[in-house]
């Protein structure tokens, strides 16, 4: 796994118990939260050596974050 993908996973694992730290995602990674969590899902499914329970947790967590950011965008198209 490359250092960027490793940093994505580390950020997610560090912040998942505190709401995700979404306000830090764009400045640190240059991605919107939705893009970030989609990328983490891809990393978890294809490139990580995480234990199965951690993969399950991250899949559920990131899927929820993608759903909530997408629904918030539909509700408030300008991020209000």
C-alpha atoms as a PDB file:
ATOM      1  CA  UNK A   1       0.000   0.000   0.000  1.00  0.00           C
ATOM      2  CA  UNK A   2       1.369   3.424  -0.876  1.00  0.00           C
ATOM      3  CA  UNK A   3       1.935   6.114   1.804  1.00  0.00           C
ATOM      4  CA  UNK A   4      -1.083   8.180   0.676  1.00  0.00           C
ATOM      5  CA  UNK A   5      -3.486   5.256   1.066  1.00  0.00           C
ATOM      6  CA  UNK A   6      -1.896   4.391   4.407  1.00  0.00           C
ATOM      7  CA  UNK A   7      -2.470   7.994   5.542  1.00  0.00           C
ATOM      8  CA  UNK A   8      -6.136   7.747   4.495  1.00  0.00           C
ATOM      9  CA  UNK A   9      -6.603   4.662   6.643  1.00  0.00           C
ATOM     10  CA  UNK A  10      -4.728   6.160   9.583  1.00  0.00           C
ATOM     11  CA  UNK A  11      -6.836   9.331   9.460  1.00  0.00           C
ATOM     12  CA  UNK A  12     -10.052   7.303   9.341  1.00  0.00           C
ATOM     13  CA  UNK A  13      -9.025   5.062  12.218  1.00  0.00           C
ATOM     14  CA  UNK A  14      -7.815   8.027  14.299  1.00  0.00           C
ATOM     15  CA  UNK A  15     -10.990  10.091  13.807  1.00  0.00           C
ATOM     16  CA  UNK A  16     -13.797   7.510  13.480  1.00  0.00           C
ATOM     17  CA  UNK A  17     -14.607   7.623  17.203  1.00  0.00           C
ATOM     18  CA  UNK A  18     -14.834  11.422  17.090  1.00  0.00           C
ATOM     19  CA  UNK A  19     -17.198  11.949  14.155  1.00  0.00           C
ATOM     20  CA  UNK A  20     -14.672  11.550  11.379  1.00  0.00           C
ATOM     21  CA  UNK A  21     -12.707  14.797  11.452  1.00  0.00           C
ATOM     22  CA  UNK A  22     -14.319  15.737   8.143  1.00  0.00           C
ATOM     23  CA  UNK A  23     -13.148  19.342   8.476  1.00  0.00           C
ATOM     24  CA  UNK A  24      -9.534  18.101   8.234  1.00  0.00           C
ATOM     25  CA  UNK A  25     -10.017  15.968   5.116  1.00  0.00           C
ATOM     26  CA  UNK A  26      -9.814  18.597   2.381  1.00  0.00           C
ATOM     27  CA  UNK A  27      -6.820  20.504   3.792  1.00  0.00           C
ATOM     28  CA  UNK A  28      -4.904  17.291   4.491  1.00  0.00           C
ATOM     29  CA  UNK A  29      -5.860  15.148   1.472  1.00  0.00           C
ATOM     30  CA  UNK A  30      -7.379  17.494  -1.115  1.00  0.00           C
ATOM     31  CA  UNK A  31     -10.580  15.442  -1.284  1.00  0.00           C
ATOM     32  CA  UNK A  32     -14.173  16.133  -0.349  1.00  0.00           C
ATOM     33  CA  UNK A  33     -15.387  13.945   2.527  1.00  0.00           C
ATOM     34  CA  UNK A  34     -17.510  11.859   0.148  1.00  0.00           C
ATOM     35  CA  UNK A  35     -14.541  11.251  -2.186  1.00  0.00           C
ATOM     36  CA  UNK A  36     -12.321  10.517   0.803  1.00  0.00           C
ATOM     37  CA  UNK A  37     -14.631   7.848   2.247  1.00  0.00           C
ATOM     38  CA  UNK A  38     -15.146   6.277  -1.179  1.00  0.00           C
ATOM     39  CA  UNK A  39     -11.368   6.041  -1.563  1.00  0.00           C
ATOM     40  CA  UNK A  40     -11.015   4.514   1.904  1.00  0.00           C
ATOM     41  CA  UNK A  41     -13.627   1.903   0.955  1.00  0.00           C
ATOM     42  CA  UNK A  42     -11.580   1.014  -2.112  1.00  0.00           C
ATOM     43  CA  UNK A  43      -8.383   0.801  -0.073  1.00  0.00           C
ATOM     44  CA  UNK A  44     -10.034  -1.395   2.547  1.00  0.00           C
ATOM     45  CA  UNK A  45     -11.401  -3.752  -0.089  1.00  0.00           C
ATOM     46  CA  UNK A  46      -8.351  -3.992  -2.327  1.00  0.00           C
ATOM     47  CA  UNK A  47      -5.111  -2.898  -0.681  1.00  0.00           C
ATOM     48  CA  UNK A  48      -5.129  -3.291   3.060  1.00  0.00           C
ATOM     49  CA  UNK A  49      -3.863  -6.041   5.292  1.00  0.00           C
ATOM     50  CA  UNK A  50      -6.329  -5.164   8.044  1.00  0.00           C
ATOM     51  CA  UNK A  51      -7.912  -7.897  10.092  1.00  0.00           C
ATOM     52  CA  UNK A  52     -11.424  -8.894   9.020  1.00  0.00           C
ATOM     53  CA  UNK A  53     -13.245  -7.189  11.955  1.00  0.00           C
ATOM     54  CA  UNK A  54     -11.448  -3.900  11.223  1.00  0.00           C
ATOM     55  CA  UNK A  55     -12.351  -4.189   7.537  1.00  0.00           C
ATOM     56  CA  UNK A  56     -15.992  -4.818   8.436  1.00  0.00           C
ATOM     57  CA  UNK A  57     -16.057  -1.837  10.778  1.00  0.00           C
ATOM     58  CA  UNK A  58     -14.421   0.491   8.244  1.00  0.00           C
ATOM     59  CA  UNK A  59     -16.756  -0.657   5.457  1.00  0.00           C
ATOM     60  CA  UNK A  60     -19.807   0.078   7.604  1.00  0.00           C
ATOM     61  CA  UNK A  61     -18.403   3.379   8.893  1.00  0.00           C
ATOM     62  CA  UNK A  62     -17.307   4.683   5.486  1.00  0.00           C
ATOM     63  CA  UNK A  63     -20.523   3.547   3.804  1.00  0.00           C
ATOM     64  CA  UNK A  64     -22.515   5.495   6.393  1.00  0.00           C
ATOM     65  CA  UNK A  65     -20.327   8.577   5.897  1.00  0.00           C
ATOM     66  CA  UNK A  66     -20.731   8.380   2.090  1.00  0.00           C
ATOM     67  CA  UNK A  67     -24.500   8.062   2.454  1.00  0.00           C
ATOM     68  CA  UNK A  68     -24.760  10.939   4.919  1.00  0.00           C
ATOM     69  CA  UNK A  69     -22.546  13.303   2.900  1.00  0.00           C
ATOM     70  CA  UNK A  70     -24.384  12.464  -0.323  1.00  0.00           C
ATOM     71  CA  UNK A  71     -27.796  13.017   1.273  1.00  0.00           C
ATOM     72  CA  UNK A  72     -26.621  16.279   2.847  1.00  0.00           C
ATOM     73  CA  UNK A  73     -25.421  17.442  -0.574  1.00  0.00           C
ATOM     74  CA  UNK A  74     -28.812  16.620  -2.135  1.00  0.00           C
ATOM     75  CA  UNK A  75     -30.616  18.452   0.659  1.00  0.00           C
ATOM     76  CA  UNK A  76     -28.274  21.459   0.611  1.00  0.00           C
ATOM     77  CA  UNK A  77     -26.609  21.693  -2.787  1.00  0.00           C
ATOM     78  CA  UNK A  78     -24.318  24.532  -1.678  1.00  0.00           C
ATOM     79  CA  UNK A  79     -23.190  22.775   1.514  1.00  0.00           C
ATOM     80  CA  UNK A  80     -25.268  25.000   3.781  1.00  0.00           C
END
